[in-house]
Amino acid sequence: MACGVTDMRKGIDGLAALARDVLRQKPASGAVLAFRGRRGDRLKLLYQGGRGFCLDDKVLERGRFPWPGAGEGSMRLTSAQLAMLWEGIDWRRPDRGAPPARVG
């Protein structure tokens, strides 16, 4: 996860260069790299697919994606945290709700 804001006009090549030069991450490492724009309503995920890079882009109709400040540089998320982020859920403070009801 690239903390702070990213220019969302960047495509695969621009985000891969940002990951390599600024975050010191290898874009082809198998990791999913996440970037958020200034307004906070757009998220891009860059990862290596079977034969090349893939770029997923999501825009929220309402709200903002939860994101750490720029001072933190980059962060690692678990796959569960990334799934929550993609759905617009605050992965830092998820609402766990009530435990599952016992059936039977």
N, C-alpha and C. Protein backbone atom coordinates (compact mmCIF):
# COMPACT_ATOMS: atom_id res chain seq x y z
N MET A 1 0.85 -1.16 0.00
CA MET A 1 0.00 0.00 0.00
C MET A 1 0.90 1.23 0.00
N ALA A 2 0.66 2.12 -0.96
CA ALA A 2 1.41 3.37 -1.03
C ALA A 2 0.67 4.41 -0.20
N CYS A 3 1.22 4.78 0.94
CA CYS A 3 0.57 5.76 1.82
C CYS A 3 0.57 7.13 1.15
N GLY A 4 -0.31 8.00 1.60
CA GLY A 4 -0.43 9.32 0.99
C GLY A 4 -1.25 9.24 -0.28
N VAL A 5 -1.09 10.24 -1.16
CA VAL A 5 -1.90 10.29 -2.38
C VAL A 5 -1.05 9.97 -3.60
N THR A 6 -1.71 9.45 -4.61
CA THR A 6 -1.07 9.09 -5.88
C THR A 6 -1.84 9.76 -7.00
N ASP A 7 -1.15 10.18 -8.03
CA ASP A 7 -1.78 10.74 -9.23
C ASP A 7 -2.53 9.61 -9.93
N MET A 8 -3.84 9.66 -9.91
CA MET A 8 -4.66 8.59 -10.47
C MET A 8 -4.71 8.60 -11.98
N ARG A 9 -4.03 9.54 -12.62
CA ARG A 9 -3.93 9.51 -14.08
C ARG A 9 -2.91 8.47 -14.53
N LYS A 10 -2.09 7.99 -13.60
CA LYS A 10 -1.06 7.00 -13.94
C LYS A 10 -1.70 5.66 -14.30
N GLY A 11 -1.11 5.03 -15.27
CA GLY A 11 -1.55 3.70 -15.68
C GLY A 11 -0.58 2.65 -15.15
N ILE A 12 -0.56 1.51 -15.81
CA ILE A 12 0.28 0.40 -15.36
C ILE A 12 1.75 0.80 -15.30
N ASP A 13 2.27 1.38 -16.36
CA ASP A 13 3.69 1.73 -16.39
C ASP A 13 4.05 2.77 -15.34
N GLY A 14 3.23 3.80 -15.19
CA GLY A 14 3.51 4.84 -14.21
C GLY A 14 3.45 4.34 -12.78
N LEU A 15 2.47 3.48 -12.48
CA LEU A 15 2.35 2.93 -11.12
C LEU A 15 3.47 1.93 -10.85
N ALA A 16 3.86 1.17 -11.86
CA ALA A 16 4.97 0.23 -11.68
C ALA A 16 6.27 0.99 -11.40
N ALA A 17 6.47 2.11 -12.11
CA ALA A 17 7.66 2.94 -11.87
C ALA A 17 7.63 3.55 -10.47
N LEU A 18 6.46 4.00 -10.04
CA LEU A 18 6.30 4.55 -8.69
C LEU A 18 6.62 3.49 -7.64
N ALA A 19 6.12 2.29 -7.85
CA ALA A 19 6.39 1.20 -6.91
C ALA A 19 7.88 0.90 -6.84
N ARG A 20 8.52 0.87 -7.98
CA ARG A 20 9.94 0.54 -8.06
C ARG A 20 10.82 1.67 -7.49
N ASP A 21 10.57 2.91 -7.90
CA ASP A 21 11.46 4.01 -7.58
C ASP A 21 11.19 4.65 -6.22
N VAL A 22 9.93 4.75 -5.83
CA VAL A 22 9.57 5.43 -4.58
C VAL A 22 9.37 4.44 -3.44
N LEU A 23 8.61 3.39 -3.70
CA LEU A 23 8.30 2.42 -2.64
C LEU A 23 9.37 1.36 -2.48
N ARG A 24 10.28 1.27 -3.44
CA ARG A 24 11.35 0.26 -3.42
C ARG A 24 10.77 -1.15 -3.40
N GLN A 25 9.70 -1.34 -4.19
CA GLN A 25 9.05 -2.64 -4.33
C GLN A 25 9.20 -3.12 -5.76
N LYS A 26 9.37 -4.40 -5.94
CA LYS A 26 9.41 -4.97 -7.28
C LYS A 26 7.97 -5.22 -7.73
N PRO A 27 7.53 -4.53 -8.77
CA PRO A 27 6.15 -4.71 -9.23
C PRO A 27 5.83 -6.15 -9.62
N ALA A 28 6.83 -6.92 -10.03
CA ALA A 28 6.61 -8.30 -10.46
C ALA A 28 6.83 -9.30 -9.33
N SER A 29 6.82 -8.83 -8.08
CA SER A 29 7.11 -9.71 -6.94
C SER A 29 5.97 -10.63 -6.56
N GLY A 30 4.80 -10.40 -7.12
CA GLY A 30 3.63 -11.20 -6.75
C GLY A 30 2.75 -10.49 -5.74
N ALA A 31 3.21 -9.36 -5.22
CA ALA A 31 2.42 -8.59 -4.27
C ALA A 31 1.36 -7.78 -5.02
N VAL A 32 0.29 -7.44 -4.32
CA VAL A 32 -0.73 -6.54 -4.85
C VAL A 32 -0.39 -5.16 -4.30
N LEU A 33 -0.19 -4.20 -5.19
CA LEU A 33 0.17 -2.84 -4.80
C LEU A 33 -1.06 -1.96 -4.89
N ALA A 34 -1.37 -1.23 -3.81
CA ALA A 34 -2.58 -0.41 -3.74
C ALA A 34 -2.21 1.06 -3.73
N PHE A 35 -2.99 1.86 -4.49
CA PHE A 35 -2.78 3.29 -4.60
C PHE A 35 -4.12 4.00 -4.49
N ARG A 36 -4.14 5.16 -3.79
CA ARG A 36 -5.38 5.94 -3.64
C ARG A 36 -5.13 7.36 -4.09
N GLY A 37 -6.14 7.96 -4.71
CA GLY A 37 -6.05 9.33 -5.20
C GLY A 37 -6.31 10.36 -4.12
N ARG A 38 -6.16 11.62 -4.49
CA ARG A 38 -6.30 12.74 -3.55
C ARG A 38 -7.70 12.83 -2.96
N ARG A 39 -8.74 12.67 -3.77
CA ARG A 39 -10.10 12.78 -3.24
C ARG A 39 -10.47 11.61 -2.34
N GLY A 40 -9.76 10.50 -2.47
CA GLY A 40 -10.01 9.35 -1.61
C GLY A 40 -11.09 8.41 -2.07
N ASP A 41 -11.74 8.72 -3.18
CA ASP A 41 -12.84 7.87 -3.64
C ASP A 41 -12.41 6.86 -4.71
N ARG A 42 -11.14 6.91 -5.12
CA ARG A 42 -10.64 6.02 -6.18
C ARG A 42 -9.48 5.20 -5.65
N LEU A 43 -9.49 3.91 -5.98
CA LEU A 43 -8.44 2.98 -5.56
C LEU A 43 -7.98 2.20 -6.78
N LYS A 44 -6.67 2.04 -6.92
CA LYS A 44 -6.11 1.22 -8.00
C LYS A 44 -5.24 0.13 -7.38
N LEU A 45 -5.40 -1.09 -7.88
CA LEU A 45 -4.59 -2.23 -7.46
C LEU A 45 -3.78 -2.70 -8.66
N LEU A 46 -2.48 -2.81 -8.47
CA LEU A 46 -1.57 -3.27 -9.52
C LEU A 46 -0.97 -4.59 -9.06
N TYR A 47 -1.02 -5.59 -9.94
CA TYR A 47 -0.43 -6.89 -9.61
C TYR A 47 -0.07 -7.60 -10.90
N GLN A 48 0.79 -8.59 -10.76
CA GLN A 48 1.20 -9.36 -11.93
C GLN A 48 0.25 -10.53 -12.11
N GLY A 49 -0.36 -10.60 -13.28
CA GLY A 49 -1.25 -11.69 -13.61
C GLY A 49 -0.46 -12.80 -14.28
N GLY A 50 -1.13 -13.68 -14.96
CA GLY A 50 -0.47 -14.81 -15.59
C GLY A 50 0.56 -14.44 -16.64
N ARG A 51 0.25 -13.50 -17.50
CA ARG A 51 1.16 -13.15 -18.60
C ARG A 51 1.57 -11.69 -18.61
N GLY A 52 1.20 -10.95 -17.59
CA GLY A 52 1.54 -9.53 -17.56
C GLY A 52 0.91 -8.86 -16.36
N PHE A 53 0.94 -7.56 -16.36
CA PHE A 53 0.39 -6.82 -15.23
C PHE A 53 -1.10 -6.59 -15.40
N CYS A 54 -1.79 -6.52 -14.27
CA CYS A 54 -3.21 -6.23 -14.22
C CYS A 54 -3.41 -4.97 -13.38
N LEU A 55 -4.38 -4.16 -13.75
CA LEU A 55 -4.69 -2.95 -13.02
C LEU A 55 -6.19 -2.92 -12.79
N ASP A 56 -6.60 -3.01 -11.54
CA ASP A 56 -8.01 -2.90 -11.18
C ASP A 56 -8.24 -1.51 -10.62
N ASP A 57 -9.36 -0.92 -10.96
CA ASP A 57 -9.69 0.44 -10.58
C ASP A 57 -11.10 0.43 -10.00
N LYS A 58 -11.27 1.05 -8.84
CA LYS A 58 -12.60 1.10 -8.22
C LYS A 58 -12.86 2.51 -7.75
N VAL A 59 -14.07 3.01 -8.00
CA VAL A 59 -14.48 4.34 -7.56
C VAL A 59 -15.72 4.18 -6.70
N LEU A 60 -15.67 4.75 -5.50
CA LEU A 60 -16.83 4.71 -4.60
C LEU A 60 -17.83 5.80 -5.00
N GLU A 61 -19.10 5.47 -4.97
CA GLU A 61 -20.14 6.47 -5.24
C GLU A 61 -20.27 7.43 -4.07
N ARG A 62 -20.09 6.89 -2.85
CA ARG A 62 -20.16 7.71 -1.64
C ARG A 62 -19.02 7.29 -0.72
N GLY A 63 -18.48 8.24 0.01
CA GLY A 63 -17.46 7.93 0.99
C GLY A 63 -16.06 7.93 0.40
N ARG A 64 -15.13 7.53 1.25
CA ARG A 64 -13.72 7.50 0.88
C ARG A 64 -13.10 6.20 1.36
N PHE A 65 -12.07 5.76 0.65
CA PHE A 65 -11.33 4.59 1.09
C PHE A 65 -10.47 4.99 2.30
N PRO A 66 -10.47 4.18 3.37
CA PRO A 66 -9.62 4.48 4.52
C PRO A 66 -8.15 4.36 4.13
N TRP A 67 -7.33 5.32 4.56
CA TRP A 67 -5.95 5.37 4.10
C TRP A 67 -5.06 6.03 5.12
N PRO A 68 -3.85 5.51 5.32
CA PRO A 68 -2.90 6.16 6.22
C PRO A 68 -2.30 7.41 5.57
N GLY A 69 -1.74 8.29 6.41
CA GLY A 69 -1.13 9.52 5.91
C GLY A 69 0.17 9.26 5.17
N ALA A 70 0.63 10.29 4.47
CA ALA A 70 1.83 10.17 3.64
C ALA A 70 3.08 9.90 4.45
N GLY A 71 3.11 10.31 5.71
CA GLY A 71 4.30 10.15 6.53
C GLY A 71 4.67 8.70 6.79
N GLU A 72 3.77 7.79 6.52
CA GLU A 72 4.02 6.38 6.81
C GLU A 72 4.69 5.64 5.65
N GLY A 73 4.88 6.30 4.50
CA GLY A 73 5.57 5.68 3.36
C GLY A 73 4.78 4.58 2.70
N SER A 74 4.96 3.36 3.16
CA SER A 74 4.19 2.23 2.63
C SER A 74 3.85 1.30 3.78
N MET A 75 2.83 0.49 3.57
CA MET A 75 2.38 -0.47 4.59
C MET A 75 2.07 -1.79 3.91
N ARG A 76 2.12 -2.84 4.70
CA ARG A 76 1.70 -4.16 4.23
C ARG A 76 0.35 -4.48 4.85
N LEU A 77 -0.53 -5.05 4.04
CA LEU A 77 -1.84 -5.48 4.52
C LEU A 77 -1.96 -6.99 4.34
N THR A 78 -2.76 -7.60 5.18
CA THR A 78 -3.08 -9.01 4.98
C THR A 78 -4.09 -9.10 3.84
N SER A 79 -4.31 -10.29 3.34
CA SER A 79 -5.29 -10.45 2.27
C SER A 79 -6.69 -10.08 2.76
N ALA A 80 -6.99 -10.35 4.04
CA ALA A 80 -8.29 -9.98 4.60
C ALA A 80 -8.43 -8.46 4.68
N GLN A 81 -7.37 -7.77 5.09
CA GLN A 81 -7.42 -6.31 5.15
C GLN A 81 -7.58 -5.71 3.75
N LEU A 82 -6.90 -6.28 2.77
CA LEU A 82 -7.02 -5.81 1.39
C LEU A 82 -8.44 -6.01 0.88
N ALA A 83 -9.04 -7.14 1.20
CA ALA A 83 -10.43 -7.40 0.78
C ALA A 83 -11.38 -6.38 1.41
N MET A 84 -11.16 -6.06 2.69
CA MET A 84 -11.99 -5.04 3.34
C MET A 84 -11.79 -3.69 2.69
N LEU A 85 -10.53 -3.33 2.41
CA LEU A 85 -10.23 -2.06 1.77
C LEU A 85 -10.95 -1.97 0.43
N TRP A 86 -10.87 -3.01 -0.39
CA TRP A 86 -11.50 -3.02 -1.70
C TRP A 86 -13.01 -2.79 -1.62
N GLU A 87 -13.62 -3.26 -0.52
CA GLU A 87 -15.06 -3.08 -0.32
C GLU A 87 -15.40 -1.76 0.35
N GLY A 88 -14.38 -0.95 0.67
CA GLY A 88 -14.62 0.34 1.29
C GLY A 88 -14.80 0.27 2.79
N ILE A 89 -14.47 -0.87 3.39
CA ILE A 89 -14.57 -1.05 4.84
C ILE A 89 -13.28 -0.58 5.48
N ASP A 90 -13.39 0.11 6.61
CA ASP A 90 -12.19 0.58 7.30
C ASP A 90 -11.48 -0.60 7.91
N TRP A 91 -10.44 -1.07 7.26
CA TRP A 91 -9.68 -2.25 7.68
C TRP A 91 -8.95 -2.01 9.00
N ARG A 92 -8.79 -0.75 9.39
CA ARG A 92 -8.11 -0.44 10.66
C ARG A 92 -9.03 -0.65 11.86
N ARG A 93 -10.34 -0.47 11.65
CA ARG A 93 -11.32 -0.62 12.72
C ARG A 93 -12.58 -1.31 12.19
N PRO A 94 -12.49 -2.56 11.80
CA PRO A 94 -13.68 -3.23 11.24
C PRO A 94 -14.74 -3.41 12.31
N ASP A 95 -16.00 -3.30 11.91
CA ASP A 95 -17.12 -3.53 12.82
C ASP A 95 -17.38 -5.03 12.83
N ARG A 96 -16.95 -5.66 13.88
CA ARG A 96 -17.04 -7.12 13.95
C ARG A 96 -18.48 -7.60 14.20
N GLY A 97 -19.32 -6.74 14.75
CA GLY A 97 -20.72 -7.11 14.98
C GLY A 97 -20.85 -8.22 16.02
N ALA A 98 -22.01 -8.80 16.07
CA ALA A 98 -22.29 -9.87 17.01
C ALA A 98 -21.66 -11.18 16.52
N PRO A 99 -21.29 -12.05 17.43
CA PRO A 99 -20.77 -13.34 17.00
C PRO A 99 -21.86 -14.15 16.29
N PRO A 100 -21.47 -15.10 15.45
CA PRO A 100 -22.48 -15.89 14.73
C PRO A 100 -23.42 -16.62 15.69
N ALA A 101 -24.69 -16.68 15.29
CA ALA A 101 -25.68 -17.37 16.11
C ALA A 101 -25.46 -18.88 16.00
N ARG A 102 -25.68 -19.54 17.08
CA ARG A 102 -25.55 -21.00 17.12
C ARG A 102 -26.83 -21.61 16.55
N VAL A 103 -26.66 -22.50 15.61
CA VAL A 103 -27.82 -23.13 14.95
C VAL A 103 -27.90 -24.58 15.42
N GLY A 104 -29.10 -24.96 15.81
CA GLY A 104 -29.35 -26.36 16.12
C GLY A 104 -29.00 -26.74 17.46
